[in-house]
PDB file of all heavy atoms in Angstrom:
ATOM      1  N   LEU A   1     -12.213  -7.217  -6.872  1.00  0.00           N
ATOM      2  CA  LEU A   1     -12.085  -7.790  -5.512  1.00  0.00           C
ATOM      3  C   LEU A   1     -13.468  -7.904  -4.882  1.00  0.00           C
ATOM      4  O   LEU A   1     -14.189  -6.910  -4.752  1.00  0.00           O
ATOM      5  CB  LEU A   1     -11.190  -6.902  -4.659  1.00  0.00           C
ATOM      6  CG  LEU A   1     -10.969  -7.331  -3.218  1.00  0.00           C
ATOM      7  CD1 LEU A   1     -10.206  -8.652  -3.161  1.00  0.00           C
ATOM      8  CD2 LEU A   1     -10.232  -6.245  -2.426  1.00  0.00           C
ATOM      9  N   GLU A   2     -13.805  -9.112  -4.457  1.00  0.00           N
ATOM     10  CA  GLU A   2     -15.086  -9.341  -3.791  1.00  0.00           C
ATOM     11  C   GLU A   2     -14.929  -9.283  -2.275  1.00  0.00           C
ATOM     12  O   GLU A   2     -15.794  -8.718  -1.581  1.00  0.00           O
ATOM     13  CB  GLU A   2     -15.653 -10.695  -4.223  1.00  0.00           C
ATOM     14  CG  GLU A   2     -17.030 -10.990  -3.623  1.00  0.00           C
ATOM     15  CD  GLU A   2     -17.622 -12.282  -4.149  1.00  0.00           C
ATOM     16  OE1 GLU A   2     -17.097 -13.365  -3.778  1.00  0.00           O
ATOM     17  OE2 GLU A   2     -18.579 -12.220  -4.926  1.00  0.00           O
ATOM     18  N   SER A   3     -13.861  -9.871  -1.760  1.00  0.00           N
ATOM     19  CA  SER A   3     -13.638  -9.839  -0.303  1.00  0.00           C
ATOM     20  C   SER A   3     -12.182 -10.128   0.014  1.00  0.00           C
ATOM     21  O   SER A   3     -11.463 -10.708  -0.801  1.00  0.00           O
ATOM     22  CB  SER A   3     -14.527 -10.906   0.408  1.00  0.00           C
ATOM     23  OG  SER A   3     -14.130 -12.212   0.054  1.00  0.00           O
ATOM     24  N   ARG A   4     -11.752  -9.685   1.176  1.00  0.00           N
ATOM     25  CA  ARG A   4     -10.416 -10.000   1.677  1.00  0.00           C
ATOM     26  C   ARG A   4     -10.487 -10.138   3.178  1.00  0.00           C
ATOM     27  O   ARG A   4     -10.980  -9.270   3.884  1.00  0.00           O
ATOM     28  CB  ARG A   4      -9.408  -8.882   1.293  1.00  0.00           C
ATOM     29  CG  ARG A   4      -8.027  -9.057   1.955  1.00  0.00           C
ATOM     30  CD  ARG A   4      -6.996  -8.102   1.366  1.00  0.00           C
ATOM     31  NE  ARG A   4      -6.656  -8.493  -0.004  1.00  0.00           N
ATOM     32  CZ  ARG A   4      -6.553  -7.634  -0.996  1.00  0.00           C
ATOM     33  NH1 ARG A   4      -6.761  -6.331  -0.790  1.00  0.00           N
ATOM     34  NH2 ARG A   4      -6.236  -8.045  -2.222  1.00  0.00           N
ATOM     35  N   HIS A   5      -9.989 -11.290   3.665  1.00  0.00           N
ATOM     36  CA  HIS A   5      -9.950 -11.556   5.090  1.00  0.00           C
ATOM     37  C   HIS A   5      -8.540 -12.016   5.492  1.00  0.00           C
ATOM     38  O   HIS A   5      -7.710 -12.355   4.621  1.00  0.00           O
ATOM     39  CB  HIS A   5     -10.981 -12.646   5.477  1.00  0.00           C
ATOM     40  CG  HIS A   5     -12.394 -12.198   5.264  1.00  0.00           C
ATOM     41  ND1 HIS A   5     -13.101 -12.548   4.131  1.00  0.00           N
ATOM     42  CD2 HIS A   5     -13.199 -11.452   6.028  1.00  0.00           C
ATOM     43  CE1 HIS A   5     -14.320 -12.025   4.216  1.00  0.00           C
ATOM     44  NE2 HIS A   5     -14.416 -11.356   5.351  1.00  0.00           N
ATOM     45  N   ALA A   6      -8.287 -12.010   6.771  1.00  0.00           N
ATOM     46  CA  ALA A   6      -6.971 -12.386   7.279  1.00  0.00           C
ATOM     47  C   ALA A   6      -6.755 -13.889   7.281  1.00  0.00           C
ATOM     48  O   ALA A   6      -5.596 -14.346   7.352  1.00  0.00           O
ATOM     49  CB  ALA A   6      -6.777 -11.830   8.702  1.00  0.00           C
ATOM     50  N   ASP A   7      -7.833 -14.661   7.196  1.00  0.00           N
ATOM     51  CA  ASP A   7      -7.683 -16.124   7.171  1.00  0.00           C
ATOM     52  C   ASP A   7      -8.932 -16.731   6.537  1.00  0.00           C
ATOM     53  O   ASP A   7      -9.858 -16.021   6.128  1.00  0.00           O
ATOM     54  CB  ASP A   7      -7.446 -16.691   8.584  1.00  0.00           C
ATOM     55  CG  ASP A   7      -8.546 -16.341   9.573  1.00  0.00           C
ATOM     56  OD1 ASP A   7      -9.704 -16.119   9.149  1.00  0.00           O
ATOM     57  OD2 ASP A   7      -8.246 -16.288  10.769  1.00  0.00           O
ATOM     58  N   TRP A   8      -8.958 -18.058   6.496  1.00  0.00           N
ATOM     59  CA  TRP A   8     -10.091 -18.772   5.849  1.00  0.00           C
ATOM     60  C   TRP A   8     -11.357 -18.688   6.677  1.00  0.00           C
ATOM     61  O   TRP A   8     -12.445 -18.900   6.162  1.00  0.00           O
ATOM     62  CB  TRP A   8      -9.710 -20.214   5.600  1.00  0.00           C
ATOM     63  CG  TRP A   8      -8.666 -20.401   4.560  1.00  0.00           C
ATOM     64  CD1 TRP A   8      -7.346 -20.671   4.732  1.00  0.00           C
ATOM     65  CD2 TRP A   8      -8.882 -20.321   3.141  1.00  0.00           C
ATOM     66  NE1 TRP A   8      -6.703 -20.753   3.512  1.00  0.00           N
ATOM     67  CE2 TRP A   8      -7.614 -20.563   2.511  1.00  0.00           C
ATOM     68  CE3 TRP A   8      -9.985 -20.116   2.315  1.00  0.00           C
ATOM     69  CZ2 TRP A   8      -7.444 -20.569   1.114  1.00  0.00           C
ATOM     70  CZ3 TRP A   8      -9.828 -20.128   0.943  1.00  0.00           C
ATOM     71  CH2 TRP A   8      -8.572 -20.348   0.351  1.00  0.00           C
ATOM     72  N   SER A   9     -11.216 -18.394   7.970  1.00  0.00           N
ATOM     73  CA  SER A   9     -12.418 -18.315   8.835  1.00  0.00           C
ATOM     74  C   SER A   9     -13.121 -16.973   8.764  1.00  0.00           C
ATOM     75  O   SER A   9     -14.156 -16.784   9.380  1.00  0.00           O
ATOM     76  CB  SER A   9     -12.004 -18.629  10.281  1.00  0.00           C
ATOM     77  OG  SER A   9     -11.484 -19.944  10.394  1.00  0.00           O
ATOM     78  N   GLY A  10     -12.515 -16.016   8.053  1.00  0.00           N
ATOM     79  CA  GLY A  10     -13.190 -14.713   7.876  1.00  0.00           C
ATOM     80  C   GLY A  10     -12.756 -13.658   8.834  1.00  0.00           C
ATOM     81  O   GLY A  10     -13.473 -12.646   8.984  1.00  0.00           O
ATOM     82  N   ALA A  11     -11.610 -13.798   9.503  1.00  0.00           N
ATOM     83  CA  ALA A  11     -11.134 -12.779  10.411  1.00  0.00           C
ATOM     84  C   ALA A  11     -10.836 -11.499   9.647  1.00  0.00           C
ATOM     85  O   ALA A  11     -10.455 -11.520   8.467  1.00  0.00           O
ATOM     86  CB  ALA A  11      -9.870 -13.243  11.151  1.00  0.00           C
ATOM     87  N   GLU A  12     -11.002 -10.358  10.297  1.00  0.00           N
ATOM     88  CA  GLU A  12     -10.786  -9.056   9.644  1.00  0.00           C
ATOM     89  C   GLU A  12      -9.338  -8.907   9.210  1.00  0.00           C
ATOM     90  O   GLU A  12      -8.401  -9.212   9.970  1.00  0.00           O
ATOM     91  CB  GLU A  12     -11.171  -7.929  10.612  1.00  0.00           C
ATOM     92  CG  GLU A  12     -10.991  -6.538  10.005  1.00  0.00           C
ATOM     93  CD  GLU A  12     -11.274  -5.427  10.980  1.00  0.00           C
ATOM     94  OE1 GLU A  12     -11.552  -5.723  12.152  1.00  0.00           O
ATOM     95  OE2 GLU A  12     -11.205  -4.241  10.572  1.00  0.00           O
ATOM     96  N   PHE A  13      -9.156  -8.399   8.007  1.00  0.00           N
ATOM     97  CA  PHE A  13      -7.821  -8.095   7.497  1.00  0.00           C
ATOM     98  C   PHE A  13      -7.427  -6.692   7.967  1.00  0.00           C
ATOM     99  O   PHE A  13      -8.186  -5.736   7.744  1.00  0.00           O
ATOM    100  CB  PHE A  13      -7.788  -8.176   5.977  1.00  0.00           C
ATOM    101  CG  PHE A  13      -6.444  -7.855   5.384  1.00  0.00           C
ATOM    102  CD1 PHE A  13      -5.407  -8.774   5.455  1.00  0.00           C
ATOM    103  CD2 PHE A  13      -6.206  -6.644   4.750  1.00  0.00           C
ATOM    104  CE1 PHE A  13      -4.161  -8.498   4.910  1.00  0.00           C
ATOM    105  CE2 PHE A  13      -4.976  -6.356   4.204  1.00  0.00           C
ATOM    106  CZ  PHE A  13      -3.939  -7.278   4.286  1.00  0.00           C
ATOM    107  N   THR A  14      -6.291  -6.601   8.621  1.00  0.00           N
ATOM    108  CA  THR A  14      -5.829  -5.307   9.168  1.00  0.00           C
ATOM    109  C   THR A  14      -4.388  -5.057   8.742  1.00  0.00           C
ATOM    110  O   THR A  14      -3.760  -5.901   8.094  1.00  0.00           O
ATOM    111  CB  THR A  14      -5.886  -5.308  10.703  1.00  0.00           C
ATOM    112  OG1 THR A  14      -4.860  -6.176  11.224  1.00  0.00           O
ATOM    113  CG2 THR A  14      -7.247  -5.779  11.208  1.00  0.00           C
ATOM    114  N   ALA A  15      -3.854  -3.913   9.136  1.00  0.00           N
ATOM    115  CA  ALA A  15      -2.462  -3.570   8.807  1.00  0.00           C
ATOM    116  C   ALA A  15      -1.484  -4.506   9.468  1.00  0.00           C
ATOM    117  O   ALA A  15      -0.331  -4.622   9.055  1.00  0.00           O
ATOM    118  CB  ALA A  15      -2.174  -2.139   9.246  1.00  0.00           C
ATOM    119  N   ASP A  16      -1.911  -5.227  10.506  1.00  0.00           N
ATOM    120  CA  ASP A  16      -1.022  -6.150  11.219  1.00  0.00           C
ATOM    121  C   ASP A  16      -1.197  -7.603  10.750  1.00  0.00           C
ATOM    122  O   ASP A  16      -0.496  -8.484  11.269  1.00  0.00           O
ATOM    123  CB  ASP A  16      -1.267  -6.068  12.716  1.00  0.00           C
ATOM    124  CG  ASP A  16      -0.892  -4.711  13.295  1.00  0.00           C
ATOM    125  OD1 ASP A  16       0.144  -4.163  12.856  1.00  0.00           O
ATOM    126  OD2 ASP A  16      -1.629  -4.196  14.151  1.00  0.00           O
ATOM    127  N   SER A  17      -2.078  -7.872   9.814  1.00  0.00           N
ATOM    128  CA  SER A  17      -2.289  -9.239   9.352  1.00  0.00           C
ATOM    129  C   SER A  17      -1.062  -9.733   8.608  1.00  0.00           C
ATOM    130  O   SER A  17      -0.458  -9.021   7.806  1.00  0.00           O
ATOM    131  CB  SER A  17      -3.503  -9.309   8.426  1.00  0.00           C
ATOM    132  OG  SER A  17      -4.688  -8.917   9.113  1.00  0.00           O
ATOM    133  N   ARG A  18      -0.700 -10.988   8.866  1.00  0.00           N
ATOM    134  CA  ARG A  18       0.483 -11.561   8.241  1.00  0.00           C
ATOM    135  C   ARG A  18       0.154 -12.248   6.921  1.00  0.00           C
ATOM    136  O   ARG A  18       1.051 -12.608   6.168  1.00  0.00           O
ATOM    137  CB  ARG A  18       1.153 -12.541   9.205  1.00  0.00           C
ATOM    138  CG  ARG A  18       1.722 -11.896  10.455  1.00  0.00           C
ATOM    139  CD  ARG A  18       2.432 -12.892  11.333  1.00  0.00           C
ATOM    140  NE  ARG A  18       3.546 -13.512  10.617  1.00  0.00           N
ATOM    141  CZ  ARG A  18       4.225 -14.559  11.094  1.00  0.00           C
ATOM    142  NH1 ARG A  18       3.876 -15.101  12.253  1.00  0.00           N
ATOM    143  NH2 ARG A  18       5.226 -15.067  10.391  1.00  0.00           N
ATOM    144  N   SER A  19      -1.122 -12.483   6.659  1.00  0.00           N
ATOM    145  CA  SER A  19      -1.526 -13.125   5.409  1.00  0.00           C
ATOM    146  C   SER A  19      -2.958 -12.713   5.099  1.00  0.00           C
ATOM    147  O   SER A  19      -3.630 -12.050   5.909  1.00  0.00           O
ATOM    148  CB  SER A  19      -1.406 -14.652   5.496  1.00  0.00           C
ATOM    149  OG  SER A  19      -2.290 -15.141   6.491  1.00  0.00           O
ATOM    150  N   HIS A  20      -3.421 -13.101   3.924  1.00  0.00           N
ATOM    151  CA  HIS A  20      -4.791 -12.786   3.552  1.00  0.00           C
ATOM    152  C   HIS A  20      -5.334 -13.834   2.606  1.00  0.00           C
ATOM    153  O   HIS A  20      -4.592 -14.525   1.929  1.00  0.00           O
ATOM    154  CB  HIS A  20      -4.896 -11.395   2.906  1.00  0.00           C
ATOM    155  CG  HIS A  20      -4.071 -11.196   1.683  1.00  0.00           C
ATOM    156  ND1 HIS A  20      -4.546 -11.358   0.419  1.00  0.00           N
ATOM    157  CD2 HIS A  20      -2.747 -10.851   1.535  1.00  0.00           C
ATOM    158  CE1 HIS A  20      -3.600 -11.116  -0.457  1.00  0.00           C
ATOM    159  NE2 HIS A  20      -2.490 -10.823   0.171  1.00  0.00           N
ATOM    160  N   VAL A  21      -6.659 -13.916   2.606  1.00  0.00           N
ATOM    161  CA  VAL A  21      -7.395 -14.727   1.636  1.00  0.00           C
ATOM    162  C   VAL A  21      -8.237 -13.745   0.843  1.00  0.00           C
ATOM    163  O   VAL A  21      -9.150 -13.115   1.360  1.00  0.00           O
ATOM    164  CB  VAL A  21      -8.281 -15.785   2.323  1.00  0.00           C
ATOM    165  CG1 VAL A  21      -9.128 -16.512   1.291  1.00  0.00           C
ATOM    166  CG2 VAL A  21      -7.428 -16.782   3.118  1.00  0.00           C
ATOM    167  N   SER A  22      -7.893 -13.584  -0.434  1.00  0.00           N
ATOM    168  CA  SER A  22      -8.557 -12.613  -1.292  1.00  0.00           C
ATOM    169  C   SER A  22      -9.387 -13.346  -2.346  1.00  0.00           C
ATOM    170  O   SER A  22      -8.909 -14.264  -2.995  1.00  0.00           O
ATOM    171  CB  SER A  22      -7.534 -11.714  -2.002  1.00  0.00           C
ATOM    172  OG  SER A  22      -6.811 -10.942  -1.029  1.00  0.00           O
ATOM    173  N   VAL A  23     -10.644 -12.893  -2.485  1.00  0.00           N
ATOM    174  CA  VAL A  23     -11.572 -13.504  -3.428  1.00  0.00           C
ATOM    175  C   VAL A  23     -11.838 -12.479  -4.549  1.00  0.00           C
ATOM    176  O   VAL A  23     -12.322 -11.371  -4.283  1.00  0.00           O
ATOM    177  CB  VAL A  23     -12.894 -13.909  -2.755  1.00  0.00           C
ATOM    178  CG1 VAL A  23     -13.856 -14.515  -3.771  1.00  0.00           C
ATOM    179  CG2 VAL A  23     -12.640 -14.863  -1.595  1.00  0.00           C
ATOM    180  N   TYR A  24     -11.529 -12.872  -5.772  1.00  0.00           N
ATOM    181  CA  TYR A  24     -11.759 -12.031  -6.957  1.00  0.00           C
ATOM    182  C   TYR A  24     -12.877 -12.667  -7.799  1.00  0.00           C
ATOM    183  O   TYR A  24     -12.973 -13.884  -7.861  1.00  0.00           O
ATOM    184  CB  TYR A  24     -10.508 -11.884  -7.777  1.00  0.00           C
ATOM    185  CG  TYR A  24      -9.365 -11.211  -7.010  1.00  0.00           C
ATOM    186  CD1 TYR A  24      -8.373 -11.949  -6.419  1.00  0.00           C
ATOM    187  CD2 TYR A  24      -9.328  -9.825  -6.868  1.00  0.00           C
ATOM    188  CE1 TYR A  24      -7.345 -11.346  -5.715  1.00  0.00           C
ATOM    189  CE2 TYR A  24      -8.302  -9.174  -6.177  1.00  0.00           C
ATOM    190  CZ  TYR A  24      -7.317  -9.952  -5.593  1.00  0.00           C
ATOM    191  OH  TYR A  24      -6.299  -9.353  -4.901  1.00  0.00           O
ATOM    192  N   ARG A  25     -13.651 -11.819  -8.435  1.00  0.00           N
ATOM    193  CA  ARG A  25     -14.778 -12.357  -9.209  1.00  0.00           C
ATOM    194  C   ARG A  25     -14.859 -11.703 -10.566  1.00  0.00           C
ATOM    195  O   ARG A  25     -14.646 -10.477 -10.721  1.00  0.00           O
ATOM    196  CB  ARG A  25     -16.061 -12.130  -8.435  1.00  0.00           C
ATOM    197  CG  ARG A  25     -17.247 -12.927  -8.978  1.00  0.00           C
ATOM    198  CD  ARG A  25     -18.403 -12.984  -7.999  1.00  0.00           C
ATOM    199  NE  ARG A  25     -19.381 -13.973  -8.407  1.00  0.00           N
ATOM    200  CZ  ARG A  25     -20.475 -14.269  -7.710  1.00  0.00           C
ATOM    201  NH1 ARG A  25     -20.708 -13.671  -6.529  1.00  0.00           N
ATOM    202  NH2 ARG A  25     -21.323 -15.190  -8.131  1.00  0.00           N
ATOM    203  N   LEU A  26     -15.191 -12.513 -11.574  1.00  0.00           N
ATOM    204  CA  LEU A  26     -15.462 -12.014 -12.905  1.00  0.00           C
ATOM    205  C   LEU A  26     -16.866 -11.449 -12.970  1.00  0.00           C
ATOM    206  O   LEU A  26     -17.758 -11.889 -12.208  1.00  0.00           O
ATOM    207  CB  LEU A  26     -15.329 -13.115 -13.940  1.00  0.00           C
ATOM    208  CG  LEU A  26     -13.930 -13.661 -14.221  1.00  0.00           C
ATOM    209  CD1 LEU A  26     -14.021 -14.800 -15.234  1.00  0.00           C
ATOM    210  CD2 LEU A  26     -13.004 -12.558 -14.753  1.00  0.00           C
ATOM    211  N   PRO A  27     -17.124 -10.518 -13.876  1.00  0.00           N
ATOM    212  CA  PRO A  27     -18.501 -10.028 -14.038  1.00  0.00           C
ATOM    213  C   PRO A  27     -19.425 -11.151 -14.495  1.00  0.00           C
ATOM    214  O   PRO A  27     -19.026 -12.038 -15.250  1.00  0.00           O
ATOM    215  CB  PRO A  27     -18.381  -8.953 -15.129  1.00  0.00           C
ATOM    216  CG  PRO A  27     -16.939  -8.600 -15.201  1.00  0.00           C
ATOM    217  CD  PRO A  27     -16.191  -9.835 -14.768  1.00  0.00           C
ATOM    218  N   ALA A  28     -20.645 -11.109 -14.022  1.00  0.00           N
ATOM    219  CA  ALA A  28     -21.666 -12.045 -14.508  1.00  0.00           C
ATOM    220  C   ALA A  28     -22.130 -11.630 -15.872  1.00  0.00           C
ATOM    221  O   ALA A  28     -22.011 -10.466 -16.270  1.00  0.00           O
ATOM    222  CB  ALA A  28     -22.826 -12.101 -13.525  1.00  0.00           C
ATOM    223  N   GLN A  29     -22.680 -12.548 -16.625  1.00  0.00           N
ATOM    224  CA  GLN A  29     -23.211 -12.213 -17.934  1.00  0.00           C
ATOM    225  C   GLN A  29     -24.362 -11.221 -17.804  1.00  0.00           C
ATOM    226  O   GLN A  29     -25.172 -11.269 -16.884  1.00  0.00           O
ATOM    227  CB  GLN A  29     -23.724 -13.489 -18.640  1.00  0.00           C
ATOM    228  CG  GLN A  29     -22.609 -14.322 -19.222  1.00  0.00           C
ATOM    229  CD  GLN A  29     -23.146 -15.543 -19.946  1.00  0.00           C
ATOM    230  OE1 GLN A  29     -24.196 -16.052 -19.600  1.00  0.00           O
ATOM    231  NE2 GLN A  29     -22.409 -16.011 -20.948  1.00  0.00           N
TER     232      GLN A  29
END
């Protein structure tokens, strides 16, 4: 997991967030 926000604009993800945008990343070479 690289990052998780409550929306595409980068709002903080909290216990009350109804959705999330999660960014996952593979290891670099």
